Amino acid sequence: MSYHVLVSSSGHEFTIEKNETVLDAALRQGIGLPYGCRNGACGKCAGDLVSGQVEYEEGALKAAAKDLHEEGKALFCQAMARSDLDIKVTEITKSQEVEIKTLPCRVESMELLTHDIMKVELKLPENERMQFLAGQYLEFILNDGKRRAFSIANAPHDDDLIELHIRHVPDGHFGDYVFSEMKVKTLFKIEGPLGSYYLREESNRPVILVGGGTGFAPLKGMLEHAFKIGFDKPIHLFCGVRAMRDLYMDKMVKAWLEQHPNLKYTAVLSQPEKTDNWQGKTGHVSDAVIEEYSDLSGFDIYLSGPPAMVKSGMDAFYARGLPETQIYSDSFEYSDDALKSMGIQKPKS
């Protein structure tokens, strides 16, 4: 049995299955209800039950959430519908509305994706979750006060762990540490979510996603979110890397093509090796985009990767009619340490 839920404060509607929480049902269908811990402790998911009936499992509400419940608020991370519902709660639709948190975490798993890209999954404390929009990033706060930023590679609905794709760049600090010393169960402090790079799911325009190297990470989160909410606009993913050994999660993307007919995928190698026997696109990834689409005025474009790639891509896309309001970018700036190790002096602002 399923019930109908109306968010009267916004007019959004969704369905909820028996024994599914209101929050889980909302996130599953792309409705951004607020939350903090998702385990009935913090009360940040609280809202008003305008009409209808909900119930909670015994012991589901704790601490601040229990107090709010006694004051007449509904706690949507634990509330299960027992009828159609009309609820009133402030939705999360913009990055400015998402709470930025500083949290401890531990490394839950590490997996080498290529010779220089490590997939790292982080686990937050049991009573904490980080609510984020698909495509945002977080920062590690290191012991010396320095910070390292990485895009969140998973989708908001799948937030048990936080997935990062960390490339080994010669910064003499964090990259070397990740690949030579960091181990599972290592503890860190992080801050996030951050940034205004996220999927604008309300747009009716077709989407072009352009990632260079680990610029694929935020695009992966966007795609998984789009699939989850039933985003049906055409999506074309372009991934640019140097050679075959740098192309990662390619099999996963090709599997998505079988499952999602609105998705198209183009991999581009800038310097393929002879042993790659590459028959696909070569050169700069932005050139592959404009070769495919001579007029970009009707698209939304998301561009993420190294600074030079992002800048050249933006210039090329503007020249093909793309309005500035329809491009969203995330430039992966190198740290001061990395620039120094490569013999580059960062210009003074």
C-alpha atoms as a PDB file:
ATOM      1  CA  MET A   1       0.000   0.000   0.000  1.00  0.00           C
ATOM      2  CA  SER A   2       1.224   3.514  -0.794  1.00  0.00           C
ATOM      3  CA  TYR A   3       0.046   6.937   0.291  1.00  0.00           C
ATOM      4  CA  HIS A   4       0.111  10.384  -1.254  1.00  0.00           C
ATOM      5  CA  VAL A   5       2.109  13.206   0.367  1.00  0.00           C
ATOM      6  CA  LEU A   6       1.596  16.899  -0.395  1.00  0.00           C
ATOM      7  CA  VAL A   7       4.210  19.422   0.726  1.00  0.00           C
ATOM      8  CA  SER A   8       1.780  22.299   1.064  1.00  0.00           C
ATOM      9  CA  SER A   9       4.539  24.869   1.571  1.00  0.00           C
ATOM     10  CA  SER A  10       5.867  24.221  -1.974  1.00  0.00           C
ATOM     11  CA  GLY A  11       3.136  22.311  -3.800  1.00  0.00           C
ATOM     12  CA  HIS A  12       5.417  19.333  -4.419  1.00  0.00           C
ATOM     13  CA  GLU A  13       3.892  15.866  -4.219  1.00  0.00           C
ATOM     14  CA  PHE A  14       5.277  12.367  -3.831  1.00  0.00           C
ATOM     15  CA  THR A  15       4.227   8.868  -2.850  1.00  0.00           C
ATOM     16  CA  ILE A  16       5.282   6.923   0.209  1.00  0.00           C
ATOM     17  CA  GLU A  17       5.275   3.174   0.668  1.00  0.00           C
ATOM     18  CA  LYS A  18       4.189   1.339   3.792  1.00  0.00           C
ATOM     19  CA  ASN A  19       6.911   1.357   6.472  1.00  0.00           C
ATOM     20  CA  GLU A  20       8.983   3.861   4.489  1.00  0.00           C
ATOM     21  CA  THR A  21       9.865   7.094   6.288  1.00  0.00           C
ATOM     22  CA  VAL A  22       8.629  10.389   4.878  1.00  0.00           C
ATOM     23  CA  LEU A  23      12.211  11.584   4.445  1.00  0.00           C
ATOM     24  CA  ASP A  24      13.359   8.443   2.619  1.00  0.00           C
ATOM     25  CA  ALA A  25      10.378   8.618   0.270  1.00  0.00           C
ATOM     26  CA  ALA A  26      10.975  12.309  -0.428  1.00  0.00           C
ATOM     27  CA  LEU A  27      14.697  11.905  -1.160  1.00  0.00           C
ATOM     28  CA  ARG A  28      13.979   8.878  -3.336  1.00  0.00           C
ATOM     29  CA  GLN A  29      11.799  11.106  -5.534  1.00  0.00           C
ATOM     30  CA  GLY A  30      14.038  14.162  -5.571  1.00  0.00           C
ATOM     31  CA  ILE A  31      12.214  16.221  -2.947  1.00  0.00           C
ATOM     32  CA  GLY A  32      14.827  17.909  -0.767  1.00  0.00           C
ATOM     33  CA  LEU A  33      13.437  17.753   2.735  1.00  0.00           C
ATOM     34  CA  PRO A  34      15.930  18.923   5.387  1.00  0.00           C
ATOM     35  CA  TYR A  35      17.702  16.516   7.712  1.00  0.00           C
ATOM     36  CA  GLY A  36      20.731  16.208   9.950  1.00  0.00           C
ATOM     37  CA  CYS A  37      21.343  12.821  11.537  1.00  0.00           C
ATOM     38  CA  ARG A  38      18.599  10.713   9.887  1.00  0.00           C
ATOM     39  CA  ASN A  39      18.324   8.638  13.083  1.00  0.00           C
ATOM     40  CA  GLY A  40      15.796  10.559  15.163  1.00  0.00           C
ATOM     41  CA  ALA A  41      18.192  12.499  17.382  1.00  0.00           C
ATOM     42  CA  CYS A  42      18.841  16.028  16.113  1.00  0.00           C
ATOM     43  CA  GLY A  43      15.364  17.240  15.111  1.00  0.00           C
ATOM     44  CA  LYS A  44      16.499  19.060  11.947  1.00  0.00           C
ATOM     45  CA  CYS A  45      13.953  17.146   9.863  1.00  0.00           C
ATOM     46  CA  ALA A  46      11.046  18.544  11.895  1.00  0.00           C
ATOM     47  CA  GLY A  47       7.994  20.024  10.215  1.00  0.00           C
ATOM     48  CA  ASP A  48       4.262  20.427  10.581  1.00  0.00           C
ATOM     49  CA  LEU A  49       1.721  17.693   9.914  1.00  0.00           C
ATOM     50  CA  VAL A  50      -1.161  19.697   8.428  1.00  0.00           C
ATOM     51  CA  SER A  51      -3.344  16.630   7.981  1.00  0.00           C
ATOM     52  CA  GLY A  52      -3.048  12.857   8.017  1.00  0.00           C
ATOM     53  CA  GLN A  53      -1.590  10.297  10.385  1.00  0.00           C
ATOM     54  CA  VAL A  54       1.957   9.086  10.974  1.00  0.00           C
ATOM     55  CA  GLU A  55       3.517   6.699  13.447  1.00  0.00           C
ATOM     56  CA  TYR A  56       6.976   5.925  14.775  1.00  0.00           C
ATOM     57  CA  GLU A  57       8.697   2.740  15.786  1.00  0.00           C
ATOM     58  CA  GLU A  58       9.223   2.405  19.506  1.00  0.00           C
ATOM     59  CA  GLY A  59      12.330   4.269  20.608  1.00  0.00           C
ATOM     60  CA  ALA A  60      12.786   5.961  17.225  1.00  0.00           C
ATOM     61  CA  LEU A  61      12.852   9.501  18.653  1.00  0.00           C
ATOM     62  CA  LYS A  62      15.696  10.677  20.857  1.00  0.00           C
ATOM     63  CA  ALA A  63      17.048  13.874  22.414  1.00  0.00           C
ATOM     64  CA  ALA A  64      16.021  17.066  20.594  1.00  0.00           C
ATOM     65  CA  ALA A  65      13.733  15.169  18.215  1.00  0.00           C
ATOM     66  CA  LYS A  66      11.716  13.780  21.120  1.00  0.00           C
ATOM     67  CA  ASP A  67      11.264  17.274  22.558  1.00  0.00           C
ATOM     68  CA  LEU A  68      10.071  18.608  19.200  1.00  0.00           C
ATOM     69  CA  HIS A  69       7.632  15.722  18.869  1.00  0.00           C
ATOM     70  CA  GLU A  70       6.160  16.554  22.254  1.00  0.00           C
ATOM     71  CA  GLU A  71       5.753  20.157  21.078  1.00  0.00           C
ATOM     72  CA  GLY A  72       3.609  18.927  18.174  1.00  0.00           C
ATOM     73  CA  LYS A  73       6.192  18.722  15.389  1.00  0.00           C
ATOM     74  CA  ALA A  74       6.494  15.727  13.066  1.00  0.00           C
ATOM     75  CA  LEU A  75       9.962  14.195  12.682  1.00  0.00           C
ATOM     76  CA  PHE A  76      10.041  13.155   9.048  1.00  0.00           C
ATOM     77  CA  CYS A  77      13.247  11.096   9.203  1.00  0.00           C
ATOM     78  CA  GLN A  78      11.384   8.597  11.411  1.00  0.00           C
ATOM     79  CA  ALA A  79       7.703   9.224  10.653  1.00  0.00           C
ATOM     80  CA  MET A  80       5.890   6.568   8.596  1.00  0.00           C
ATOM     81  CA  ALA A  81       2.592   7.386   6.896  1.00  0.00           C
ATOM     82  CA  ARG A  82      -0.620   5.686   7.900  1.00  0.00           C
ATOM     83  CA  SER A  83      -2.780   7.800   5.571  1.00  0.00           C
ATOM     84  CA  ASP A  84      -2.379  10.435   2.882  1.00  0.00           C
ATOM     85  CA  LEU A  85      -0.408  13.368   4.301  1.00  0.00           C
ATOM     86  CA  ASP A  86      -0.280  17.127   3.964  1.00  0.00           C
ATOM     87  CA  ILE A  87       2.962  18.425   5.465  1.00  0.00           C
ATOM     88  CA  LYS A  88       4.622  21.802   5.835  1.00  0.00           C
ATOM     89  CA  VAL A  89       8.426  21.985   5.890  1.00  0.00           C
ATOM     90  CA  THR A  90      11.146  24.145   4.357  1.00  0.00           C
ATOM     91  CA  GLU A  91      12.667  22.348   1.372  1.00  0.00           C
ATOM     92  CA  ILE A  92      16.340  22.376   0.369  1.00  0.00           C
ATOM     93  CA  THR A  93      16.570  23.620  -3.229  1.00  0.00           C
ATOM     94  CA  LYS A  94      19.715  25.782  -3.286  1.00  0.00           C
ATOM     95  CA  SER A  95      23.241  25.323  -1.987  1.00  0.00           C
ATOM     96  CA  GLN A  96      22.788  28.311   0.328  1.00  0.00           C
ATOM     97  CA  GLU A  97      20.027  26.433   2.125  1.00  0.00           C
ATOM     98  CA  VAL A  98      22.164  23.396   2.994  1.00  0.00           C
ATOM     99  CA  GLU A  99      23.758  23.434   6.425  1.00  0.00           C
ATOM    100  CA  ILE A 100      27.567  23.439   6.328  1.00  0.00           C
ATOM    101  CA  LYS A 101      28.983  21.184   9.030  1.00  0.00           C
ATOM    102  CA  THR A 102      32.412  20.469  10.468  1.00  0.00           C
ATOM    103  CA  LEU A 103      32.471  16.777  11.336  1.00  0.00           C
ATOM    104  CA  PRO A 104      34.841  13.982  12.287  1.00  0.00           C
ATOM    105  CA  CYS A 105      35.009  10.993   9.952  1.00  0.00           C
ATOM    106  CA  ARG A 106      37.015   7.846   9.389  1.00  0.00           C
ATOM    107  CA  VAL A 107      38.233   6.162   6.238  1.00  0.00           C
ATOM    108  CA  GLU A 108      35.904   3.219   5.654  1.00  0.00           C
ATOM    109  CA  SER A 109      37.415   1.845   2.453  1.00  0.00           C
ATOM    110  CA  MET A 110      40.094   2.534  -0.177  1.00  0.00           C
ATOM    111  CA  GLU A 111      40.161   1.232  -3.753  1.00  0.00           C
ATOM    112  CA  LEU A 112      42.688   1.994  -6.485  1.00  0.00           C
ATOM    113  CA  LEU A 113      40.691   2.914  -9.604  1.00  0.00           C
ATOM    114  CA  THR A 114      43.674   3.704 -11.842  1.00  0.00           C
ATOM    115  CA  HIS A 115      47.425   4.042 -11.356  1.00  0.00           C
ATOM    116  CA  ASP A 116      46.878   7.501  -9.824  1.00  0.00           C
ATOM    117  CA  ILE A 117      43.234   7.693  -8.690  1.00  0.00           C
ATOM    118  CA  MET A 118      42.077   6.354  -5.340  1.00  0.00           C
ATOM    119  CA  LYS A 119      38.440   5.881  -4.407  1.00  0.00           C
ATOM    120  CA  VAL A 120      38.061   6.739  -0.716  1.00  0.00           C
ATOM    121  CA  GLU A 121      34.851   6.230   1.247  1.00  0.00           C
ATOM    122  CA  LEU A 122      34.341   8.151   4.486  1.00  0.00           C
ATOM    123  CA  LYS A 123      32.104   7.165   7.390  1.00  0.00           C
ATOM    124  CA  LEU A 124      30.557   9.806   9.641  1.00  0.00           C
ATOM    125  CA  PRO A 125      29.593   9.205  13.278  1.00  0.00           C
ATOM    126  CA  GLU A 126      26.442   7.112  13.719  1.00  0.00           C
ATOM    127  CA  ASN A 127      24.368  10.117  14.788  1.00  0.00           C
ATOM    128  CA  GLU A 128      25.435  12.353  11.900  1.00  0.00           C
ATOM    129  CA  ARG A 129      24.754  12.700   8.180  1.00  0.00           C
ATOM    130  CA  MET A 130      25.883  15.364   5.720  1.00  0.00           C
ATOM    131  CA  GLN A 131      23.034  16.587   3.553  1.00  0.00           C
ATOM    132  CA  PHE A 132      24.312  17.780   0.169  1.00  0.00           C
ATOM    133  CA  LEU A 133      23.247  18.524  -3.379  1.00  0.00           C
ATOM    134  CA  ALA A 134      24.503  16.352  -6.234  1.00  0.00           C
ATOM    135  CA  GLY A 135      27.847  17.788  -7.360  1.00  0.00           C
ATOM    136  CA  GLN A 136      28.964  19.672  -4.241  1.00  0.00           C
ATOM    137  CA  TYR A 137      32.329  19.159  -2.525  1.00  0.00           C
ATOM    138  CA  LEU A 138      33.876  18.935   0.936  1.00  0.00           C
ATOM    139  CA  GLU A 139      37.190  19.936   2.453  1.00  0.00           C
ATOM    140  CA  PHE A 140      39.587  18.010   4.652  1.00  0.00           C
ATOM    141  CA  ILE A 141      40.821  20.195   7.522  1.00  0.00           C
ATOM    142  CA  LEU A 142      44.389  19.072   8.139  1.00  0.00           C
ATOM    143  CA  ASN A 143      46.339  19.306  11.386  1.00  0.00           C
ATOM    144  CA  ASP A 144      48.428  22.221  10.107  1.00  0.00           C
ATOM    145  CA  GLY A 145      45.277  24.174   9.250  1.00  0.00           C
ATOM    146  CA  LYS A 146      45.584  23.624   5.510  1.00  0.00           C
ATOM    147  CA  ARG A 147      42.613  22.336   3.533  1.00  0.00           C
ATOM    148  CA  ARG A 148      42.173  19.980   0.619  1.00  0.00           C
ATOM    149  CA  ALA A 149      38.952  20.025  -1.412  1.00  0.00           C
ATOM    150  CA  PHE A 150      37.380  17.009  -3.148  1.00  0.00           C
ATOM    151  CA  SER A 151      34.075  16.570  -4.950  1.00  0.00           C
ATOM    152  CA  ILE A 152      31.487  14.235  -3.482  1.00  0.00           C
ATOM    153  CA  ALA A 153      31.081  11.399  -5.994  1.00  0.00           C
ATOM    154  CA  ASN A 154      27.918   9.763  -4.659  1.00  0.00           C
ATOM    155  CA  ALA A 155      24.312  10.929  -4.891  1.00  0.00           C
ATOM    156  CA  PRO A 156      22.414  12.570  -2.001  1.00  0.00           C
ATOM    157  CA  HIS A 157      20.039   9.636  -1.520  1.00  0.00           C
ATOM    158  CA  ASP A 158      22.973   7.259  -0.995  1.00  0.00           C
ATOM    159  CA  ASP A 159      24.638   8.980   1.950  1.00  0.00           C
ATOM    160  CA  ASP A 160      25.607   6.131   4.276  1.00  0.00           C
ATOM    161  CA  LEU A 161      29.188   6.795   3.130  1.00  0.00           C
ATOM    162  CA  ILE A 162      30.808   9.748   1.368  1.00  0.00           C
ATOM    163  CA  GLU A 163      32.655   8.756  -1.810  1.00  0.00           C
ATOM    164  CA  LEU A 164      35.670  10.715  -3.067  1.00  0.00           C
ATOM    165  CA  HIS A 165      37.993  10.199  -6.045  1.00  0.00           C
ATOM    166  CA  ILE A 166      41.464  11.399  -5.080  1.00  0.00           C
ATOM    167  CA  ARG A 167      44.141  11.810  -7.737  1.00  0.00           C
ATOM    168  CA  HIS A 168      47.799  11.503  -6.819  1.00  0.00           C
ATOM    169  CA  VAL A 169      49.214  14.890  -7.740  1.00  0.00           C
ATOM    170  CA  PRO A 170      52.724  15.914  -6.696  1.00  0.00           C
ATOM    171  CA  ASP A 171      51.771  18.218  -3.842  1.00  0.00           C
ATOM    172  CA  GLY A 172      54.270  16.732  -1.404  1.00  0.00           C
ATOM    173  CA  HIS A 173      51.565  16.565   1.240  1.00  0.00           C
ATOM    174  CA  PHE A 174      48.099  15.137   0.946  1.00  0.00           C
ATOM    175  CA  GLY A 175      48.355  13.210  -2.324  1.00  0.00           C
ATOM    176  CA  ASP A 176      51.529  11.436  -1.266  1.00  0.00           C
ATOM    177  CA  TYR A 177      49.961  10.691   2.107  1.00  0.00           C
ATOM    178  CA  VAL A 178      46.818   9.141   0.593  1.00  0.00           C
ATOM    179  CA  PHE A 179      48.787   6.822  -1.690  1.00  0.00           C
ATOM    180  CA  SER A 180      51.610   5.852   0.667  1.00  0.00           C
ATOM    181  CA  GLU A 181      50.441   6.152   4.278  1.00  0.00           C
ATOM    182  CA  MET A 182      46.674   6.545   4.671  1.00  0.00           C
ATOM    183  CA  LYS A 183      44.875   3.431   5.849  1.00  0.00           C
ATOM    184  CA  VAL A 184      41.325   2.275   6.550  1.00  0.00           C
ATOM    185  CA  LYS A 185      40.098   3.630   9.927  1.00  0.00           C
ATOM    186  CA  THR A 186      42.273   6.755   9.674  1.00  0.00           C
ATOM    187  CA  LEU A 187      40.446   9.673  11.320  1.00  0.00           C
ATOM    188  CA  PHE A 188      39.935  13.110   9.754  1.00  0.00           C
ATOM    189  CA  LYS A 189      37.988  16.302  10.202  1.00  0.00           C
ATOM    190  CA  ILE A 190      35.954  17.521   7.216  1.00  0.00           C
ATOM    191  CA  GLU A 191      33.759  20.506   6.399  1.00  0.00           C
ATOM    192  CA  GLY A 192      30.922  20.527   3.909  1.00  0.00           C
ATOM    193  CA  PRO A 193      29.007  20.488   1.770  1.00  0.00           C
ATOM    194  CA  LEU A 194      30.427  23.429  -0.143  1.00  0.00           C
ATOM    195  CA  GLY A 195      30.039  25.029  -3.551  1.00  0.00           C
ATOM    196  CA  SER A 196      27.336  26.033  -5.996  1.00  0.00           C
ATOM    197  CA  TYR A 197      28.146  23.291  -8.514  1.00  0.00           C
ATOM    198  CA  TYR A 198      25.121  21.019  -8.411  1.00  0.00           C
ATOM    199  CA  LEU A 199      22.491  19.630 -10.768  1.00  0.00           C
ATOM    200  CA  ARG A 200      19.698  22.112 -11.566  1.00  0.00           C
ATOM    201  CA  GLU A 201      17.053  19.447 -11.829  1.00  0.00           C
ATOM    202  CA  GLU A 202      14.217  21.931 -12.404  1.00  0.00           C
ATOM    203  CA  SER A 203      15.598  22.934 -15.823  1.00  0.00           C
ATOM    204  CA  ASN A 204      13.822  21.686 -18.953  1.00  0.00           C
ATOM    205  CA  ARG A 205      16.923  21.930 -21.164  1.00  0.00           C
ATOM    206  CA  PRO A 206      18.999  18.923 -22.263  1.00  0.00           C
ATOM    207  CA  VAL A 207      22.236  18.513 -20.330  1.00  0.00           C
ATOM    208  CA  ILE A 208      25.877  18.140 -21.365  1.00  0.00           C
ATOM    209  CA  LEU A 209      28.293  16.937 -18.668  1.00  0.00           C
ATOM    210  CA  VAL A 210      32.004  17.481 -19.354  1.00  0.00           C
ATOM    211  CA  GLY A 211      34.614  16.020 -17.007  1.00  0.00           C
ATOM    212  CA  GLY A 212      38.377  15.994 -17.203  1.00  0.00           C
ATOM    213  CA  GLY A 213      40.140  13.330 -15.121  1.00  0.00           C
ATOM    214  CA  THR A 214      38.586  13.218 -11.649  1.00  0.00           C
ATOM    215  CA  GLY A 215      36.209  15.908 -12.849  1.00  0.00           C
ATOM    216  CA  PHE A 216      34.064  12.843 -13.464  1.00  0.00           C
ATOM    217  CA  ALA A 217      33.494  12.525  -9.687  1.00  0.00           C
ATOM    218  CA  PRO A 218      30.823  15.234  -9.231  1.00  0.00           C
ATOM    219  CA  LEU A 219      29.262  14.255 -12.566  1.00  0.00           C
ATOM    220  CA  LYS A 220      28.875  10.698 -11.275  1.00  0.00           C
ATOM    221  CA  GLY A 221      26.924  12.038  -8.306  1.00  0.00           C
ATOM    222  CA  MET A 222      24.753  14.163 -10.601  1.00  0.00           C
ATOM    223  CA  LEU A 223      24.019  11.218 -12.885  1.00  0.00           C
ATOM    224  CA  GLU A 224      23.123   8.858 -10.048  1.00  0.00           C
ATOM    225  CA  HIS A 225      20.817  11.526  -8.648  1.00  0.00           C
ATOM    226  CA  ALA A 226      19.238  12.148 -12.063  1.00  0.00           C
ATOM    227  CA  PHE A 227      18.580   8.436 -12.516  1.00  0.00           C
ATOM    228  CA  LYS A 228      17.061   8.166  -9.047  1.00  0.00           C
ATOM    229  CA  ILE A 229      14.602  11.043  -9.487  1.00  0.00           C
ATOM    230  CA  GLY A 230      13.592  10.043 -13.018  1.00  0.00           C
ATOM    231  CA  PHE A 231      15.190  13.033 -14.773  1.00  0.00           C
ATOM    232  CA  ASP A 232      14.167  12.385 -18.383  1.00  0.00           C
ATOM    233  CA  LYS A 233      15.905  15.174 -20.326  1.00  0.00           C
ATOM    234  CA  PRO A 234      18.671  14.076 -22.739  1.00  0.00           C
ATOM    235  CA  ILE A 235      22.064  13.846 -21.027  1.00  0.00           C
ATOM    236  CA  HIS A 236      25.380  13.586 -22.881  1.00  0.00           C
ATOM    237  CA  LEU A 237      28.424  12.740 -20.763  1.00  0.00           C
ATOM    238  CA  PHE A 238      31.886  13.593 -22.127  1.00  0.00           C
ATOM    239  CA  CYS A 239      34.917  12.265 -20.218  1.00  0.00           C
ATOM    240  CA  GLY A 240      38.347  13.523 -21.185  1.00  0.00           C
ATOM    241  CA  VAL A 241      41.555  11.799 -20.057  1.00  0.00           C
ATOM    242  CA  ARG A 242      45.079  11.384 -21.393  1.00  0.00           C
ATOM    243  CA  ALA A 243      45.204   7.661 -22.218  1.00  0.00           C
ATOM    244  CA  MET A 244      43.287   4.440 -21.627  1.00  0.00           C
ATOM    245  CA  ARG A 245      44.941   3.827 -18.279  1.00  0.00           C
ATOM    246  CA  ASP A 246      43.450   7.110 -17.031  1.00  0.00           C
ATOM    247  CA  LEU A 247      39.864   6.237 -18.023  1.00  0.00           C
ATOM    248  CA  TYR A 248      38.057   4.925 -14.960  1.00  0.00           C
ATOM    249  CA  MET A 249      34.570   3.602 -14.157  1.00  0.00           C
ATOM    250  CA  ASP A 250      34.074   3.275 -17.903  1.00  0.00           C
ATOM    251  CA  LYS A 251      32.320  -0.114 -17.567  1.00  0.00           C
ATOM    252  CA  MET A 252      29.862   1.334 -15.064  1.00  0.00           C
ATOM    253  CA  VAL A 253      28.976   4.183 -17.421  1.00  0.00           C
ATOM    254  CA  LYS A 254      28.499   1.778 -20.328  1.00  0.00           C
ATOM    255  CA  ALA A 255      26.152  -0.284 -18.154  1.00  0.00           C
ATOM    256  CA  TRP A 256      24.154   2.888 -17.480  1.00  0.00           C
ATOM    257  CA  LEU A 257      23.661   3.283 -21.237  1.00  0.00           C
ATOM    258  CA  GLU A 258      21.697   0.023 -21.264  1.00  0.00           C
ATOM    259  CA  GLN A 259      19.491   1.152 -18.391  1.00  0.00           C
ATOM    260  CA  HIS A 260      18.878   4.820 -19.265  1.00  0.00           C
ATOM    261  CA  PRO A 261      17.940   5.598 -22.877  1.00  0.00           C
ATOM    262  CA  ASN A 262      18.262   9.365 -22.316  1.00  0.00           C
ATOM    263  CA  LEU A 263      22.017   9.001 -21.608  1.00  0.00           C
ATOM    264  CA  LYS A 264      24.742   9.290 -24.251  1.00  0.00           C
ATOM    265  CA  TYR A 265      28.461   8.805 -23.517  1.00  0.00           C
ATOM    266  CA  THR A 266      31.643   9.919 -25.272  1.00  0.00           C
ATOM    267  CA  ALA A 267      35.145   9.217 -23.944  1.00  0.00           C
ATOM    268  CA  VAL A 268      37.958  11.362 -25.351  1.00  0.00           C
ATOM    269  CA  LEU A 269      41.697  10.593 -25.125  1.00  0.00           C
ATOM    270  CA  SER A 270      44.099  13.508 -25.560  1.00  0.00           C
ATOM    271  CA  GLN A 271      47.289  11.428 -25.873  1.00  0.00           C
ATOM    272  CA  PRO A 272      46.396   7.770 -26.469  1.00  0.00           C
ATOM    273  CA  GLU A 273      49.263   5.304 -26.359  1.00  0.00           C
ATOM    274  CA  LYS A 274      49.943   2.945 -29.261  1.00  0.00           C
ATOM    275  CA  THR A 275      49.014  -0.035 -27.144  1.00  0.00           C
ATOM    276  CA  ASP A 276      45.585   1.521 -26.443  1.00  0.00           C
ATOM    277  CA  ASN A 277      44.408   0.763 -29.988  1.00  0.00           C
ATOM    278  CA  TRP A 278      41.972   3.597 -29.454  1.00  0.00           C
ATOM    279  CA  GLN A 279      39.273   4.014 -32.119  1.00  0.00           C
ATOM    280  CA  GLY A 280      37.272   6.737 -30.375  1.00  0.00           C
ATOM    281  CA  LYS A 281      37.536  10.514 -30.115  1.00  0.00           C
ATOM    282  CA  THR A 282      40.941  12.115 -29.574  1.00  0.00           C
ATOM    283  CA  GLY A 283      42.121  15.615 -28.688  1.00  0.00           C
ATOM    284  CA  HIS A 284      40.618  18.079 -26.234  1.00  0.00           C
ATOM    285  CA  VAL A 285      37.327  17.078 -24.679  1.00  0.00           C
ATOM    286  CA  SER A 286      35.807  20.527 -25.315  1.00  0.00           C
ATOM    287  CA  ASP A 287      36.552  20.127 -29.038  1.00  0.00           C
ATOM    288  CA  ALA A 288      34.620  16.855 -29.020  1.00  0.00           C
ATOM    289  CA  VAL A 289      31.625  18.690 -27.545  1.00  0.00           C
ATOM    290  CA  ILE A 290      31.548  21.434 -30.178  1.00  0.00           C
ATOM    291  CA  GLU A 291      32.158  18.882 -32.937  1.00  0.00           C
ATOM    292  CA  GLU A 292      28.978  17.132 -31.793  1.00  0.00           C
ATOM    293  CA  TYR A 293      26.939  20.297 -31.122  1.00  0.00           C
ATOM    294  CA  SER A 294      27.515  23.351 -33.319  1.00  0.00           C
ATOM    295  CA  ASP A 295      24.874  25.385 -31.447  1.00  0.00           C
ATOM    296  CA  LEU A 296      24.899  25.117 -27.663  1.00  0.00           C
ATOM    297  CA  SER A 297      22.346  27.843 -26.903  1.00  0.00           C
ATOM    298  CA  GLY A 298      19.663  25.350 -25.871  1.00  0.00           C
ATOM    299  CA  PHE A 299      21.749  23.301 -23.400  1.00  0.00           C
ATOM    300  CA  ASP A 300      22.791  23.343 -19.771  1.00  0.00           C
ATOM    301  CA  ILE A 301      26.483  22.458 -19.483  1.00  0.00           C
ATOM    302  CA  TYR A 302      28.316  21.236 -16.384  1.00  0.00           C
ATOM    303  CA  LEU A 303      32.097  21.425 -16.653  1.00  0.00           C
ATOM    304  CA  SER A 304      34.567  20.088 -14.071  1.00  0.00           C
ATOM    305  CA  GLY A 305      38.274  19.318 -14.086  1.00  0.00           C
ATOM    306  CA  PRO A 306      41.685  21.019 -14.254  1.00  0.00           C
ATOM    307  CA  PRO A 307      41.642  24.852 -14.498  1.00  0.00           C
ATOM    308  CA  ALA A 308      43.047  25.018 -18.031  1.00  0.00           C
ATOM    309  CA  MET A 309      40.453  22.546 -19.311  1.00  0.00           C
ATOM    310  CA  VAL A 310      37.598  24.409 -17.642  1.00  0.00           C
ATOM    311  CA  LYS A 311      38.696  27.807 -19.006  1.00  0.00           C
ATOM    312  CA  SER A 312      39.252  26.592 -22.572  1.00  0.00           C
ATOM    313  CA  GLY A 313      35.949  24.763 -22.481  1.00  0.00           C
ATOM    314  CA  MET A 314      34.031  27.809 -21.329  1.00  0.00           C
ATOM    315  CA  ASP A 315      35.597  29.985 -24.039  1.00  0.00           C
ATOM    316  CA  ALA A 316      34.770  27.410 -26.715  1.00  0.00           C
ATOM    317  CA  PHE A 317      31.200  26.946 -25.513  1.00  0.00           C
ATOM    318  CA  TYR A 318      30.467  30.675 -25.332  1.00  0.00           C
ATOM    319  CA  ALA A 319      31.642  30.946 -28.936  1.00  0.00           C
ATOM    320  CA  ARG A 320      28.996  28.359 -29.860  1.00  0.00           C
ATOM    321  CA  GLY A 321      26.151  30.397 -28.426  1.00  0.00           C
ATOM    322  CA  LEU A 322      25.993  29.097 -24.848  1.00  0.00           C
ATOM    323  CA  PRO A 323      24.606  31.790 -22.498  1.00  0.00           C
ATOM    324  CA  GLU A 324      26.655  32.392 -19.354  1.00  0.00           C
ATOM    325  CA  THR A 325      23.594  31.555 -17.256  1.00  0.00           C
ATOM    326  CA  GLN A 326      23.540  28.003 -18.668  1.00  0.00           C
ATOM    327  CA  ILE A 327      27.032  26.861 -17.745  1.00  0.00           C
ATOM    328  CA  TYR A 328      28.106  25.594 -14.332  1.00  0.00           C
ATOM    329  CA  SER A 329      31.741  24.882 -13.604  1.00  0.00           C
ATOM    330  CA  ASP A 330      33.996  23.419 -10.935  1.00  0.00           C
ATOM    331  CA  SER A 331      37.681  24.115 -11.493  1.00  0.00           C
ATOM    332  CA  PHE A 332      39.966  21.764  -9.567  1.00  0.00           C
ATOM    333  CA  GLU A 333      42.591  24.260  -8.435  1.00  0.00           C
ATOM    334  CA  TYR A 334      45.937  22.836  -7.349  1.00  0.00           C
ATOM    335  CA  SER A 335      47.159  23.594  -3.850  1.00  0.00           C
ATOM    336  CA  ASP A 336      50.043  25.998  -3.277  1.00  0.00           C
ATOM    337  CA  ASP A 337      52.225  22.979  -2.416  1.00  0.00           C
ATOM    338  CA  ALA A 338      51.379  21.295  -5.704  1.00  0.00           C
ATOM    339  CA  LEU A 339      52.129  24.392  -7.751  1.00  0.00           C
ATOM    340  CA  LYS A 340      55.468  24.836  -5.977  1.00  0.00           C
ATOM    341  CA  SER A 341      56.456  21.217  -6.604  1.00  0.00           C
ATOM    342  CA  MET A 342      55.707  21.682 -10.310  1.00  0.00           C
ATOM    343  CA  GLY A 343      57.844  24.842 -10.461  1.00  0.00           C
ATOM    344  CA  ILE A 344      54.847  27.165 -10.841  1.00  0.00           C
ATOM    345  CA  GLN A 345      54.576  30.419  -8.920  1.00  0.00           C
ATOM    346  CA  LYS A 346      50.972  31.214  -8.029  1.00  0.00           C
ATOM    347  CA  PRO A 347      50.186  34.794  -9.109  1.00  0.00           C
ATOM    348  CA  LYS A 348      49.354  37.308  -6.419  1.00  0.00           C
ATOM    349  CA  SER A 349      45.811  38.592  -6.446  1.00  0.00           C
END
